[in-house]
N, C-alpha and C. Protein backbone atom coordinates (compact mmCIF):
# COMPACT_ATOMS: atom_id res chain seq x y z
N SER A 1 -9.67 2.75 32.08
CA SER A 1 -10.39 3.77 31.31
C SER A 1 -9.65 5.10 31.45
N THR A 2 -9.99 6.05 30.57
CA THR A 2 -9.27 7.31 30.55
C THR A 2 -9.44 8.12 31.83
N ASP A 3 -10.57 7.94 32.53
CA ASP A 3 -10.77 8.69 33.77
C ASP A 3 -10.36 7.90 35.01
N GLY A 4 -9.86 6.67 34.83
CA GLY A 4 -9.39 5.87 35.94
C GLY A 4 -10.48 5.21 36.77
N SER A 5 -11.73 5.24 36.32
CA SER A 5 -12.82 4.68 37.11
C SER A 5 -13.12 3.23 36.77
N GLN A 6 -12.70 2.78 35.59
CA GLN A 6 -13.00 1.44 35.12
C GLN A 6 -11.71 0.69 34.79
N VAL A 7 -11.76 -0.63 34.93
CA VAL A 7 -10.68 -1.49 34.47
C VAL A 7 -11.23 -2.42 33.39
N PHE A 8 -10.47 -2.62 32.32
CA PHE A 8 -10.85 -3.52 31.24
C PHE A 8 -9.90 -4.72 31.28
N PHE A 9 -10.44 -5.92 31.17
CA PHE A 9 -9.61 -7.11 31.29
C PHE A 9 -10.17 -8.24 30.44
N THR A 10 -9.32 -9.22 30.16
CA THR A 10 -9.73 -10.37 29.35
C THR A 10 -9.65 -11.63 30.18
N ILE A 11 -10.47 -12.62 29.80
CA ILE A 11 -10.45 -13.95 30.40
C ILE A 11 -10.38 -14.98 29.27
N PRO A 12 -9.41 -15.89 29.32
CA PRO A 12 -9.34 -16.92 28.27
C PRO A 12 -10.65 -17.70 28.17
N ASP A 13 -11.06 -18.01 26.93
CA ASP A 13 -12.32 -18.72 26.73
C ASP A 13 -12.12 -20.20 26.40
N GLY A 14 -10.86 -20.65 26.32
CA GLY A 14 -10.58 -22.06 26.08
C GLY A 14 -10.62 -22.50 24.64
N ILE A 15 -10.92 -21.57 23.71
CA ILE A 15 -10.98 -21.96 22.30
C ILE A 15 -9.59 -22.19 21.74
N ASN A 16 -8.67 -21.24 21.97
CA ASN A 16 -7.27 -21.42 21.61
C ASN A 16 -6.43 -20.51 22.50
N SER A 17 -5.12 -20.47 22.24
CA SER A 17 -4.22 -19.75 23.14
C SER A 17 -4.36 -18.24 23.06
N GLN A 18 -5.05 -17.71 22.04
CA GLN A 18 -5.19 -16.27 21.88
C GLN A 18 -6.62 -15.79 22.09
N SER A 19 -7.55 -16.68 22.31
CA SER A 19 -8.97 -16.35 22.26
C SER A 19 -9.50 -16.03 23.66
N VAL A 20 -10.20 -14.88 23.78
CA VAL A 20 -10.63 -14.39 25.10
C VAL A 20 -12.01 -13.76 25.03
N GLY A 21 -12.61 -13.58 26.20
CA GLY A 21 -13.73 -12.68 26.39
C GLY A 21 -13.21 -11.38 26.97
N LEU A 22 -13.90 -10.28 26.70
CA LEU A 22 -13.50 -8.95 27.18
C LEU A 22 -14.53 -8.44 28.17
N TYR A 23 -14.05 -7.90 29.31
CA TYR A 23 -14.92 -7.46 30.39
C TYR A 23 -14.48 -6.08 30.90
N THR A 24 -15.40 -5.43 31.60
CA THR A 24 -15.07 -4.18 32.29
C THR A 24 -15.72 -4.19 33.67
N SER A 25 -15.08 -3.48 34.60
CA SER A 25 -15.62 -3.39 35.95
C SER A 25 -15.21 -2.05 36.55
N ALA A 26 -16.10 -1.46 37.33
CA ALA A 26 -15.75 -0.25 38.07
C ALA A 26 -14.74 -0.61 39.16
N LEU A 27 -13.78 0.27 39.38
CA LEU A 27 -12.75 -0.01 40.38
C LEU A 27 -13.31 0.00 41.80
N ASP A 28 -14.44 0.68 42.00
CA ASP A 28 -15.02 0.72 43.34
C ASP A 28 -16.16 -0.28 43.51
N GLY A 29 -16.26 -1.25 42.58
CA GLY A 29 -17.33 -2.24 42.67
C GLY A 29 -16.82 -3.63 42.35
N ASN A 30 -17.70 -4.62 42.49
CA ASN A 30 -17.32 -6.01 42.27
C ASN A 30 -18.03 -6.64 41.07
N ASP A 31 -18.89 -5.91 40.39
CA ASP A 31 -19.66 -6.47 39.28
C ASP A 31 -18.97 -6.18 37.96
N ALA A 32 -18.75 -7.23 37.18
CA ALA A 32 -18.12 -7.10 35.86
C ALA A 32 -19.17 -7.17 34.77
N SER A 33 -19.00 -6.37 33.73
CA SER A 33 -19.88 -6.39 32.57
C SER A 33 -19.14 -7.01 31.40
N GLN A 34 -19.83 -7.85 30.66
CA GLN A 34 -19.23 -8.54 29.52
C GLN A 34 -19.37 -7.68 28.26
N LEU A 35 -18.25 -7.40 27.61
CA LEU A 35 -18.26 -6.64 26.36
C LEU A 35 -18.15 -7.56 25.14
N ILE A 36 -17.34 -8.60 25.23
CA ILE A 36 -17.22 -9.62 24.19
C ILE A 36 -17.28 -10.97 24.88
N GLU A 37 -18.18 -11.85 24.43
CA GLU A 37 -18.35 -13.14 25.10
C GLU A 37 -17.15 -14.05 24.89
N ARG A 38 -16.68 -14.17 23.64
CA ARG A 38 -15.57 -15.06 23.33
C ARG A 38 -14.99 -14.71 21.97
N SER A 39 -13.87 -15.36 21.65
CA SER A 39 -13.23 -15.29 20.33
C SER A 39 -12.56 -13.96 20.04
N GLY A 40 -12.34 -13.10 21.06
CA GLY A 40 -11.51 -11.92 20.86
C GLY A 40 -10.05 -12.34 20.79
N LEU A 41 -9.29 -11.72 19.90
CA LEU A 41 -7.91 -12.16 19.65
C LEU A 41 -6.92 -11.24 20.33
N MET A 42 -6.10 -11.82 21.22
CA MET A 42 -5.05 -11.11 21.93
C MET A 42 -3.70 -11.69 21.54
N PRO A 43 -2.61 -10.93 21.73
CA PRO A 43 -1.28 -11.46 21.41
C PRO A 43 -0.95 -12.68 22.28
N SER A 44 -0.12 -13.55 21.74
CA SER A 44 0.38 -14.70 22.51
C SER A 44 1.89 -14.75 22.40
N VAL A 45 2.51 -15.59 23.20
CA VAL A 45 3.97 -15.65 23.21
C VAL A 45 4.52 -16.18 21.89
N SER A 46 3.68 -16.82 21.09
CA SER A 46 4.14 -17.41 19.83
C SER A 46 3.90 -16.51 18.63
N ASP A 47 3.36 -15.30 18.84
CA ASP A 47 3.06 -14.42 17.72
C ASP A 47 4.33 -14.03 16.96
N LEU A 48 4.24 -14.01 15.66
CA LEU A 48 5.28 -13.45 14.80
C LEU A 48 4.66 -12.27 14.06
N PRO A 49 5.37 -11.17 13.93
CA PRO A 49 4.75 -9.96 13.36
C PRO A 49 4.33 -10.12 11.90
N TYR A 50 4.93 -11.07 11.18
CA TYR A 50 4.60 -11.23 9.77
C TYR A 50 3.67 -12.42 9.52
N ASP A 51 3.08 -12.99 10.59
CA ASP A 51 2.12 -14.07 10.40
C ASP A 51 0.94 -13.61 9.56
N ASP A 52 0.41 -14.55 8.76
CA ASP A 52 -0.78 -14.26 7.96
C ASP A 52 -2.00 -14.71 8.74
N ASN A 53 -2.58 -13.80 9.49
CA ASN A 53 -3.78 -14.09 10.26
C ASN A 53 -4.38 -12.77 10.72
N ASN A 54 -5.40 -12.85 11.57
CA ASN A 54 -6.00 -11.62 12.07
C ASN A 54 -5.06 -10.88 13.00
N ALA A 55 -5.11 -9.56 12.92
CA ALA A 55 -4.32 -8.72 13.83
C ALA A 55 -4.84 -8.86 15.25
N THR A 56 -3.96 -8.66 16.22
CA THR A 56 -4.35 -8.74 17.63
C THR A 56 -4.61 -7.34 18.18
N ALA A 57 -5.21 -7.28 19.36
CA ALA A 57 -5.75 -6.05 19.92
C ALA A 57 -4.69 -4.97 20.11
N ILE A 58 -5.06 -3.71 19.86
CA ILE A 58 -4.18 -2.57 20.08
C ILE A 58 -4.96 -1.44 20.75
N LEU A 59 -4.23 -0.57 21.42
CA LEU A 59 -4.79 0.57 22.13
C LEU A 59 -4.38 1.86 21.44
N ALA A 60 -5.31 2.83 21.35
CA ALA A 60 -4.99 4.12 20.74
C ALA A 60 -3.93 4.84 21.57
N PRO A 61 -3.10 5.70 20.95
CA PRO A 61 -2.05 6.40 21.69
C PRO A 61 -2.56 7.18 22.90
N ASN A 62 -3.77 7.75 22.81
CA ASN A 62 -4.29 8.52 23.95
C ASN A 62 -5.04 7.67 24.97
N GLY A 63 -5.10 6.36 24.73
CA GLY A 63 -5.75 5.46 25.67
C GLY A 63 -7.25 5.41 25.59
N GLN A 64 -7.87 6.14 24.67
CA GLN A 64 -9.33 6.20 24.65
C GLN A 64 -9.96 5.01 23.96
N TYR A 65 -9.33 4.49 22.92
CA TYR A 65 -9.96 3.45 22.11
C TYR A 65 -9.18 2.15 22.18
N LEU A 66 -9.91 1.05 22.26
CA LEU A 66 -9.35 -0.29 22.16
C LEU A 66 -9.99 -0.97 20.96
N THR A 67 -9.16 -1.50 20.07
CA THR A 67 -9.70 -2.24 18.93
C THR A 67 -9.27 -3.69 19.04
N ILE A 68 -10.22 -4.58 18.85
CA ILE A 68 -9.98 -6.02 18.98
C ILE A 68 -10.80 -6.75 17.92
N VAL A 69 -10.19 -7.73 17.28
CA VAL A 69 -10.86 -8.54 16.27
C VAL A 69 -11.49 -9.75 16.94
N VAL A 70 -12.77 -9.99 16.65
CA VAL A 70 -13.45 -11.20 17.09
C VAL A 70 -13.56 -12.13 15.90
N ASN A 71 -12.92 -13.29 16.01
CA ASN A 71 -12.96 -14.29 14.93
C ASN A 71 -13.85 -15.44 15.39
N SER A 72 -15.05 -15.52 14.82
CA SER A 72 -16.06 -16.46 15.28
C SER A 72 -15.68 -17.90 14.95
N PRO A 73 -16.34 -18.89 15.59
CA PRO A 73 -16.10 -20.28 15.22
C PRO A 73 -16.39 -20.58 13.75
N ASP A 74 -17.21 -19.74 13.11
CA ASP A 74 -17.49 -19.90 11.68
C ASP A 74 -16.45 -19.20 10.80
N ASN A 75 -15.39 -18.66 11.44
CA ASN A 75 -14.29 -17.99 10.73
C ASN A 75 -14.74 -16.68 10.10
N ASP A 76 -15.64 -15.97 10.77
CA ASP A 76 -16.02 -14.61 10.38
C ASP A 76 -15.26 -13.64 11.29
N ALA A 77 -14.51 -12.73 10.71
CA ALA A 77 -13.72 -11.77 11.48
C ALA A 77 -14.46 -10.43 11.55
N ILE A 78 -14.68 -9.95 12.78
CA ILE A 78 -15.38 -8.69 13.00
C ILE A 78 -14.47 -7.76 13.79
N LEU A 79 -14.27 -6.56 13.27
CA LEU A 79 -13.49 -5.53 13.97
C LEU A 79 -14.39 -4.82 14.98
N ASN A 80 -13.93 -4.74 16.24
CA ASN A 80 -14.67 -4.05 17.30
C ASN A 80 -13.80 -2.92 17.85
N VAL A 81 -14.34 -1.70 17.89
CA VAL A 81 -13.62 -0.57 18.46
C VAL A 81 -14.43 -0.04 19.64
N PHE A 82 -13.84 -0.14 20.84
CA PHE A 82 -14.50 0.30 22.06
C PHE A 82 -13.97 1.67 22.49
N ASP A 83 -14.89 2.53 22.91
CA ASP A 83 -14.53 3.82 23.50
C ASP A 83 -14.39 3.61 25.00
N LEU A 84 -13.15 3.57 25.50
CA LEU A 84 -12.92 3.24 26.91
C LEU A 84 -13.31 4.38 27.84
N SER A 85 -13.63 5.55 27.28
CA SER A 85 -14.09 6.64 28.13
C SER A 85 -15.55 6.46 28.54
N ASP A 86 -16.27 5.56 27.83
CA ASP A 86 -17.67 5.29 28.16
C ASP A 86 -17.98 3.84 27.81
N PRO A 87 -17.77 2.91 28.75
CA PRO A 87 -17.98 1.48 28.47
C PRO A 87 -19.42 1.13 28.13
N SER A 88 -20.38 2.02 28.43
CA SER A 88 -21.78 1.72 28.13
C SER A 88 -22.09 1.86 26.64
N LEU A 89 -21.22 2.54 25.90
CA LEU A 89 -21.46 2.70 24.47
C LEU A 89 -21.18 1.39 23.73
N PRO A 90 -22.03 1.02 22.78
CA PRO A 90 -21.72 -0.17 21.97
C PRO A 90 -20.50 0.10 21.10
N PRO A 91 -19.72 -0.93 20.79
CA PRO A 91 -18.54 -0.70 19.95
C PRO A 91 -18.92 -0.41 18.51
N ILE A 92 -18.02 0.24 17.81
CA ILE A 92 -18.11 0.31 16.35
C ILE A 92 -17.69 -1.06 15.83
N THR A 93 -18.52 -1.68 15.00
CA THR A 93 -18.20 -2.99 14.46
C THR A 93 -18.17 -2.95 12.94
N LEU A 94 -17.18 -3.65 12.37
CA LEU A 94 -17.01 -3.70 10.92
C LEU A 94 -16.65 -5.11 10.51
N ASP A 95 -17.26 -5.57 9.43
CA ASP A 95 -17.04 -6.91 8.91
C ASP A 95 -15.80 -6.93 8.02
N SER A 96 -15.05 -8.03 8.06
CA SER A 96 -13.85 -8.14 7.23
C SER A 96 -14.17 -8.39 5.77
N GLY A 97 -15.37 -8.85 5.47
CA GLY A 97 -15.74 -9.18 4.10
C GLY A 97 -16.41 -10.53 4.05
N GLU A 98 -15.88 -11.45 3.24
CA GLU A 98 -16.44 -12.79 3.13
C GLU A 98 -15.91 -13.70 4.22
N ARG A 99 -16.59 -14.82 4.43
CA ARG A 99 -16.14 -15.79 5.43
C ARG A 99 -14.71 -16.24 5.11
N GLY A 100 -13.86 -16.25 6.10
CA GLY A 100 -12.46 -16.61 5.90
C GLY A 100 -11.55 -15.43 5.67
N ASP A 101 -12.13 -14.25 5.36
CA ASP A 101 -11.31 -13.04 5.24
C ASP A 101 -10.84 -12.60 6.62
N THR A 102 -9.83 -11.75 6.65
CA THR A 102 -9.23 -11.33 7.91
C THR A 102 -9.14 -9.81 8.01
N ILE A 103 -8.98 -9.34 9.24
CA ILE A 103 -8.50 -7.98 9.50
C ILE A 103 -7.01 -8.16 9.76
N GLY A 104 -6.19 -8.01 8.73
CA GLY A 104 -4.81 -8.45 8.79
C GLY A 104 -3.85 -7.48 9.46
N ALA A 105 -4.19 -6.21 9.51
CA ALA A 105 -3.29 -5.22 10.12
C ALA A 105 -4.13 -4.03 10.58
N MET A 106 -3.69 -3.39 11.68
CA MET A 106 -4.40 -2.23 12.21
C MET A 106 -3.37 -1.27 12.80
N VAL A 107 -3.64 0.04 12.66
CA VAL A 107 -2.81 1.04 13.33
C VAL A 107 -3.65 2.29 13.57
N PHE A 108 -3.58 2.84 14.77
CA PHE A 108 -4.20 4.13 15.05
C PHE A 108 -3.26 5.24 14.60
N ASN A 109 -3.84 6.37 14.17
CA ASN A 109 -2.97 7.53 13.95
C ASN A 109 -2.59 8.13 15.29
N ASN A 110 -1.59 9.00 15.29
CA ASN A 110 -1.07 9.55 16.54
C ASN A 110 -2.05 10.51 17.21
N ALA A 111 -2.98 11.07 16.43
CA ALA A 111 -4.01 11.94 16.99
C ALA A 111 -5.14 11.15 17.65
N SER A 112 -5.14 9.82 17.47
CA SER A 112 -6.14 8.92 18.06
C SER A 112 -7.56 9.22 17.59
N ASP A 113 -7.72 9.73 16.37
CA ASP A 113 -9.06 9.97 15.85
C ASP A 113 -9.36 9.14 14.59
N THR A 114 -8.39 8.33 14.14
CA THR A 114 -8.57 7.51 12.96
C THR A 114 -7.88 6.16 13.16
N LEU A 115 -8.55 5.10 12.73
CA LEU A 115 -7.97 3.76 12.70
C LEU A 115 -7.81 3.34 11.25
N TYR A 116 -6.60 2.95 10.88
CA TYR A 116 -6.35 2.39 9.56
C TYR A 116 -6.26 0.87 9.69
N TYR A 117 -6.90 0.16 8.77
CA TYR A 117 -6.88 -1.30 8.86
C TYR A 117 -6.95 -1.92 7.47
N VAL A 118 -6.45 -3.16 7.39
CA VAL A 118 -6.46 -3.93 6.15
C VAL A 118 -7.48 -5.04 6.30
N ALA A 119 -8.41 -5.15 5.36
CA ALA A 119 -9.46 -6.17 5.41
C ALA A 119 -9.55 -6.88 4.07
N GLY A 120 -9.76 -8.20 4.13
CA GLY A 120 -9.88 -9.01 2.93
C GLY A 120 -9.05 -10.27 3.06
N SER A 121 -8.55 -10.76 1.97
CA SER A 121 -7.75 -11.98 1.98
C SER A 121 -6.37 -11.72 2.58
N ASP A 122 -5.76 -12.78 3.11
CA ASP A 122 -4.37 -12.67 3.57
C ASP A 122 -3.51 -13.59 2.73
N GLU A 123 -2.28 -13.84 3.15
CA GLU A 123 -1.33 -14.68 2.44
C GLU A 123 -1.14 -14.23 0.99
N GLY A 124 -1.15 -12.90 0.79
CA GLY A 124 -0.93 -12.36 -0.54
C GLY A 124 -2.16 -12.24 -1.40
N GLY A 125 -3.35 -12.51 -0.84
CA GLY A 125 -4.57 -12.36 -1.61
C GLY A 125 -5.03 -10.92 -1.69
N ASN A 126 -6.06 -10.68 -2.48
CA ASN A 126 -6.57 -9.32 -2.65
C ASN A 126 -7.23 -8.81 -1.38
N ASN A 127 -6.93 -7.57 -1.04
CA ASN A 127 -7.56 -6.94 0.11
C ASN A 127 -7.57 -5.43 -0.09
N SER A 128 -7.99 -4.69 0.92
CA SER A 128 -8.08 -3.24 0.81
C SER A 128 -7.61 -2.58 2.10
N LEU A 129 -7.12 -1.36 1.95
CA LEU A 129 -6.74 -0.52 3.08
C LEU A 129 -7.86 0.47 3.33
N PHE A 130 -8.35 0.52 4.58
CA PHE A 130 -9.47 1.37 4.95
C PHE A 130 -9.06 2.36 6.05
N ALA A 131 -9.81 3.44 6.14
CA ALA A 131 -9.70 4.40 7.25
C ALA A 131 -11.05 4.47 7.95
N LEU A 132 -11.03 4.40 9.29
CA LEU A 132 -12.23 4.53 10.10
C LEU A 132 -12.13 5.80 10.92
N ASN A 133 -13.05 6.75 10.68
CA ASN A 133 -13.11 7.98 11.46
C ASN A 133 -13.77 7.68 12.79
N LEU A 134 -13.02 7.79 13.88
CA LEU A 134 -13.54 7.40 15.20
C LEU A 134 -14.50 8.42 15.78
N ASN A 135 -14.53 9.62 15.25
CA ASN A 135 -15.48 10.62 15.72
C ASN A 135 -16.87 10.42 15.13
N THR A 136 -16.91 9.94 13.88
CA THR A 136 -18.19 9.79 13.19
C THR A 136 -18.59 8.33 12.98
N GLY A 137 -17.62 7.41 13.05
CA GLY A 137 -17.90 6.01 12.75
C GLY A 137 -17.93 5.69 11.28
N ALA A 138 -17.59 6.66 10.42
CA ALA A 138 -17.61 6.46 8.98
C ALA A 138 -16.30 5.82 8.51
N GLU A 139 -16.41 4.86 7.59
CA GLU A 139 -15.23 4.22 7.02
C GLU A 139 -15.10 4.61 5.55
N SER A 140 -13.87 4.57 5.05
CA SER A 140 -13.62 4.85 3.65
C SER A 140 -12.45 4.00 3.17
N ARG A 141 -12.52 3.59 1.92
CA ARG A 141 -11.44 2.80 1.33
C ARG A 141 -10.36 3.74 0.80
N ILE A 142 -9.11 3.47 1.18
CA ILE A 142 -7.99 4.26 0.68
C ILE A 142 -7.46 3.68 -0.62
N SER A 143 -7.21 2.37 -0.64
CA SER A 143 -6.70 1.74 -1.86
C SER A 143 -6.85 0.23 -1.77
N ARG A 144 -6.78 -0.41 -2.94
CA ARG A 144 -6.79 -1.86 -3.04
C ARG A 144 -5.36 -2.37 -3.24
N GLY A 145 -5.09 -3.57 -2.75
CA GLY A 145 -3.78 -4.15 -2.93
C GLY A 145 -3.75 -5.57 -2.43
N ARG A 146 -2.56 -5.97 -2.01
CA ARG A 146 -2.35 -7.27 -1.34
C ARG A 146 -1.54 -6.97 -0.08
N TYR A 147 -2.12 -6.18 0.79
CA TYR A 147 -1.38 -5.55 1.87
C TYR A 147 -1.14 -6.48 3.05
N ALA A 148 -0.08 -6.12 3.82
CA ALA A 148 0.26 -6.81 5.05
C ALA A 148 0.47 -5.75 6.15
N GLN A 149 1.53 -5.86 6.92
CA GLN A 149 1.73 -4.98 8.08
C GLN A 149 2.06 -3.54 7.67
N MET A 150 1.87 -2.61 8.62
CA MET A 150 2.07 -1.20 8.31
C MET A 150 2.43 -0.42 9.57
N SER A 151 2.93 0.80 9.36
CA SER A 151 3.15 1.77 10.43
C SER A 151 2.79 3.15 9.88
N ILE A 152 2.67 4.13 10.77
CA ILE A 152 2.22 5.46 10.36
C ILE A 152 3.27 6.50 10.72
N SER A 153 3.35 7.54 9.91
CA SER A 153 4.33 8.60 10.14
C SER A 153 3.94 9.43 11.35
N PRO A 154 4.90 10.07 12.03
CA PRO A 154 4.58 10.86 13.22
C PRO A 154 3.61 12.00 12.98
N ASP A 155 3.58 12.54 11.74
CA ASP A 155 2.66 13.64 11.44
C ASP A 155 1.33 13.14 10.88
N ASP A 156 1.12 11.82 10.87
CA ASP A 156 -0.14 11.20 10.43
C ASP A 156 -0.43 11.42 8.95
N SER A 157 0.57 11.78 8.16
CA SER A 157 0.32 12.08 6.75
C SER A 157 0.50 10.88 5.83
N SER A 158 1.28 9.88 6.27
CA SER A 158 1.63 8.76 5.38
C SER A 158 1.66 7.45 6.14
N LEU A 159 1.43 6.38 5.40
CA LEU A 159 1.57 5.02 5.92
C LEU A 159 2.70 4.32 5.19
N ALA A 160 3.49 3.54 5.91
CA ALA A 160 4.44 2.61 5.31
C ALA A 160 3.81 1.23 5.41
N ILE A 161 3.67 0.53 4.29
CA ILE A 161 2.89 -0.71 4.28
C ILE A 161 3.54 -1.73 3.36
N MET A 162 3.53 -2.99 3.78
CA MET A 162 4.02 -4.09 2.95
C MET A 162 2.94 -4.46 1.94
N ASN A 163 3.37 -4.80 0.73
CA ASN A 163 2.43 -5.15 -0.33
C ASN A 163 3.00 -6.31 -1.13
N TRP A 164 2.22 -7.38 -1.29
CA TRP A 164 2.63 -8.53 -2.09
C TRP A 164 2.44 -8.21 -3.58
N VAL A 165 3.40 -8.65 -4.40
CA VAL A 165 3.36 -8.38 -5.84
C VAL A 165 3.38 -9.71 -6.59
N GLU A 166 2.44 -9.86 -7.52
CA GLU A 166 2.42 -11.02 -8.42
C GLU A 166 2.90 -10.57 -9.78
N PHE A 167 4.00 -11.15 -10.27
CA PHE A 167 4.51 -10.79 -11.59
C PHE A 167 4.31 -11.92 -12.60
N ASP A 168 4.05 -13.13 -12.12
CA ASP A 168 3.83 -14.28 -12.99
C ASP A 168 3.00 -15.29 -12.20
N ALA A 169 1.95 -15.82 -12.83
CA ALA A 169 1.06 -16.74 -12.14
C ALA A 169 1.77 -18.02 -11.71
N ASP A 170 2.88 -18.35 -12.37
CA ASP A 170 3.61 -19.57 -12.05
C ASP A 170 4.77 -19.34 -11.07
N GLU A 171 4.96 -18.10 -10.65
CA GLU A 171 6.05 -17.76 -9.74
C GLU A 171 5.48 -17.27 -8.41
N PRO A 172 6.25 -17.44 -7.34
CA PRO A 172 5.76 -16.95 -6.04
C PRO A 172 5.67 -15.43 -6.01
N LEU A 173 4.87 -14.92 -5.09
CA LEU A 173 4.78 -13.48 -4.88
C LEU A 173 6.03 -12.98 -4.16
N TYR A 174 6.30 -11.69 -4.31
CA TYR A 174 7.35 -11.08 -3.50
C TYR A 174 6.80 -9.82 -2.84
N LEU A 175 7.50 -9.36 -1.81
CA LEU A 175 7.03 -8.24 -1.00
C LEU A 175 7.75 -6.94 -1.36
N THR A 176 6.98 -5.87 -1.42
CA THR A 176 7.55 -4.52 -1.47
C THR A 176 7.17 -3.79 -0.19
N LEU A 177 7.91 -2.73 0.10
CA LEU A 177 7.51 -1.79 1.14
C LEU A 177 7.20 -0.48 0.46
N GLU A 178 6.01 0.04 0.70
CA GLU A 178 5.54 1.24 0.02
C GLU A 178 5.12 2.30 1.03
N THR A 179 5.15 3.53 0.61
CA THR A 179 4.54 4.60 1.38
C THR A 179 3.30 5.09 0.64
N ILE A 180 2.25 5.37 1.39
CA ILE A 180 1.00 5.88 0.83
C ILE A 180 0.71 7.23 1.46
N ASP A 181 0.62 8.27 0.65
CA ASP A 181 0.20 9.58 1.13
C ASP A 181 -1.30 9.52 1.38
N ILE A 182 -1.71 9.72 2.62
CA ILE A 182 -3.11 9.52 2.98
C ILE A 182 -4.03 10.52 2.31
N ALA A 183 -3.59 11.74 2.13
CA ALA A 183 -4.44 12.77 1.51
C ALA A 183 -4.63 12.54 0.02
N SER A 184 -3.55 12.17 -0.69
CA SER A 184 -3.62 12.06 -2.14
C SER A 184 -3.72 10.63 -2.64
N ASN A 185 -3.48 9.63 -1.76
CA ASN A 185 -3.40 8.21 -2.12
C ASN A 185 -2.22 7.90 -3.03
N GLU A 186 -1.29 8.83 -3.17
CA GLU A 186 -0.11 8.59 -4.00
C GLU A 186 0.80 7.58 -3.32
N THR A 187 1.28 6.59 -4.10
CA THR A 187 2.09 5.50 -3.58
C THR A 187 3.50 5.58 -4.12
N SER A 188 4.47 5.32 -3.24
CA SER A 188 5.88 5.26 -3.64
C SER A 188 6.47 3.97 -3.10
N VAL A 189 7.16 3.22 -3.97
CA VAL A 189 7.82 1.99 -3.55
C VAL A 189 9.21 2.34 -3.04
N ILE A 190 9.52 1.94 -1.80
CA ILE A 190 10.81 2.28 -1.21
C ILE A 190 11.70 1.06 -0.99
N TYR A 191 11.13 -0.15 -1.14
CA TYR A 191 11.94 -1.36 -1.04
C TYR A 191 11.29 -2.45 -1.88
N VAL A 192 12.10 -3.14 -2.68
CA VAL A 192 11.62 -4.25 -3.52
C VAL A 192 12.27 -5.53 -3.03
N GLY A 193 11.45 -6.50 -2.63
CA GLY A 193 11.97 -7.70 -1.99
C GLY A 193 12.18 -8.87 -2.92
N GLY A 194 12.78 -8.62 -4.06
CA GLY A 194 13.08 -9.72 -4.98
C GLY A 194 13.58 -9.20 -6.32
N GLU A 195 14.20 -10.11 -7.07
CA GLU A 195 14.69 -9.79 -8.41
C GLU A 195 14.19 -10.84 -9.39
N ILE A 196 14.02 -10.43 -10.62
CA ILE A 196 13.60 -11.34 -11.68
C ILE A 196 14.82 -11.63 -12.57
N ASP A 197 15.19 -12.92 -12.68
CA ASP A 197 16.38 -13.24 -13.48
C ASP A 197 16.04 -13.29 -14.96
N ASP A 198 17.03 -13.64 -15.78
CA ASP A 198 16.85 -13.63 -17.23
C ASP A 198 15.85 -14.67 -17.71
N GLU A 199 15.59 -15.67 -16.88
CA GLU A 199 14.63 -16.71 -17.24
C GLU A 199 13.24 -16.42 -16.68
N GLY A 200 13.07 -15.24 -16.08
CA GLY A 200 11.78 -14.87 -15.54
C GLY A 200 11.46 -15.51 -14.21
N LYS A 201 12.51 -15.93 -13.48
CA LYS A 201 12.33 -16.55 -12.18
C LYS A 201 12.64 -15.56 -11.07
N LEU A 202 11.95 -15.72 -9.94
CA LEU A 202 12.16 -14.86 -8.78
C LEU A 202 13.39 -15.34 -8.01
N ILE A 203 14.31 -14.43 -7.75
CA ILE A 203 15.51 -14.75 -6.98
C ILE A 203 15.73 -13.67 -5.91
N ASN A 204 16.62 -13.98 -4.98
CA ASN A 204 17.03 -13.03 -3.93
C ASN A 204 15.83 -12.43 -3.20
N GLU A 205 14.94 -13.32 -2.74
CA GLU A 205 13.75 -12.85 -2.02
C GLU A 205 14.12 -12.30 -0.65
N SER A 206 13.47 -11.22 -0.26
CA SER A 206 13.69 -10.61 1.04
C SER A 206 12.47 -9.74 1.37
N PHE A 207 12.46 -9.12 2.54
CA PHE A 207 11.39 -8.18 2.85
C PHE A 207 11.88 -7.16 3.84
N ALA A 208 11.21 -6.00 3.86
CA ALA A 208 11.47 -4.95 4.85
C ALA A 208 10.20 -4.78 5.66
N TYR A 209 10.32 -4.93 6.98
CA TYR A 209 9.16 -4.90 7.86
C TYR A 209 9.07 -3.55 8.57
N PRO A 210 7.93 -2.84 8.46
CA PRO A 210 7.80 -1.50 9.08
C PRO A 210 7.47 -1.59 10.57
N LEU A 211 8.48 -1.61 11.42
CA LEU A 211 8.26 -1.68 12.86
C LEU A 211 7.71 -0.37 13.41
N ALA A 212 8.31 0.74 13.03
CA ALA A 212 7.89 2.05 13.53
C ALA A 212 8.41 3.12 12.58
N TRP A 213 7.83 4.31 12.66
CA TRP A 213 8.24 5.43 11.80
C TRP A 213 8.76 6.52 12.72
N HIS A 214 10.05 6.78 12.62
CA HIS A 214 10.69 7.76 13.50
C HIS A 214 10.89 9.06 12.74
N GLN A 215 10.55 10.18 13.39
CA GLN A 215 10.75 11.49 12.80
C GLN A 215 12.18 11.96 13.13
N GLY A 216 13.03 12.05 12.12
CA GLY A 216 14.43 12.43 12.33
C GLY A 216 14.60 13.92 12.50
């Protein structure tokens, strides 16, 4: 925890290699409190950053917030945001949408007061980019798309995000990398991961993955 009085830890629940329960305990005591019973998703050694599935747990830059997706046995994905400065507070919880939808990507801003996340279909299906205000618990939709992974600029003004593009129902989707101005929602495409040949076929498929945004 931010004040050093509590430790937060996970215990595998036996459902799969990434599925855990989440607990907290005071460092000067022996009693643990359960925050999530099971089905919380943590990274595993087999994770690939471009996998189409629920995002795994991340910590805010200032260490105050932990966000973890709980994917139930019924395949309902719920976003949980815990305030580690006060473990007694219930988490902020948000539904991904319909059964089978995912929380596909998450990133905290550098000020640690906003969580950006993608909710809806994965594997190139329709979804939306949302912002969650961690001070108020209010969420807002930024834009609709077919989004995948993302990163945020050091000044918290823009997101770099992968977006699947459908140009023909009979052709596969291809990936672009776009920047979204958070204040204006203005989008700019900075990388196109495919070409359309003279016969209308997709060729030269590729992608650009946003690992991090460095301020030069």
